[in-house]
Amino acid sequence: MKYWIGTADETRIIAINSEKIACGSPRTDKFQAFSFDLVNGKMPEGLFSIPFSYIRKIEMKDIDNKINIFFGEDAYELLTIKNESRRQEVFEVLKDLSPKLEYSTRKVGRLGAAKKPLIALAVLTPLFGLIYMMAIALENNELSGSQVALLLAVASLGSQNVIKLFIGILVIILIAIIRQMSNA
């Protein structure tokens, strides 16, 4: 039997024997009892456990701190492991103990990691361009009727404030892109 003890923001206990995987983040009082069982070589009773015969697929993405265990018809369990070497070790132990299962390790490139912020940028840029043009037209009294009603709430900020708003959102999107790409 192999086991791993995680931190408070991870899956606290992961235990694997030849028949099943047990995992969970129990309260402190139960955590002590489970840890005692693990040290004595016993699989803790009371932790969520999945027999290997129920598991369909095990998946690990390089960008996530998680291992996904798919079992039953459509159920899954997420193991959160922030330490990359420990996550790889757990994945390898699962592969060794149940070689008949489907395994996948997905590598996500830098562009794939930043895909969502880039889509947001592509959608918001023309929208803010339109709003900026309407703000300028509104300041010059060139808009009237239904045109004004369409974007009056944002365009009434004025062209300078629309630019500031757009720059603020652009900075947030760029920070998200940089963070996603640095994690990849």
Foldseek 3Di string as FASTA:
>chain_A
DDWDADDQVFFGIWDDDLFKIFTHRDDPVVVVVCVVCVVVPHHDPPTDMDTPVFWAEWEAEQLAQWIWTAGDDGDIDIGGHNDPVVVVVVVVVNCVSRVVHHYYYHYAALCRLLVVLVVVVVVVPVVLVVLLVVLVCVVVVNDDDPVCVPNVVQSVVHNVVSVVVVVVVVVVSVVSSVVSSVSD
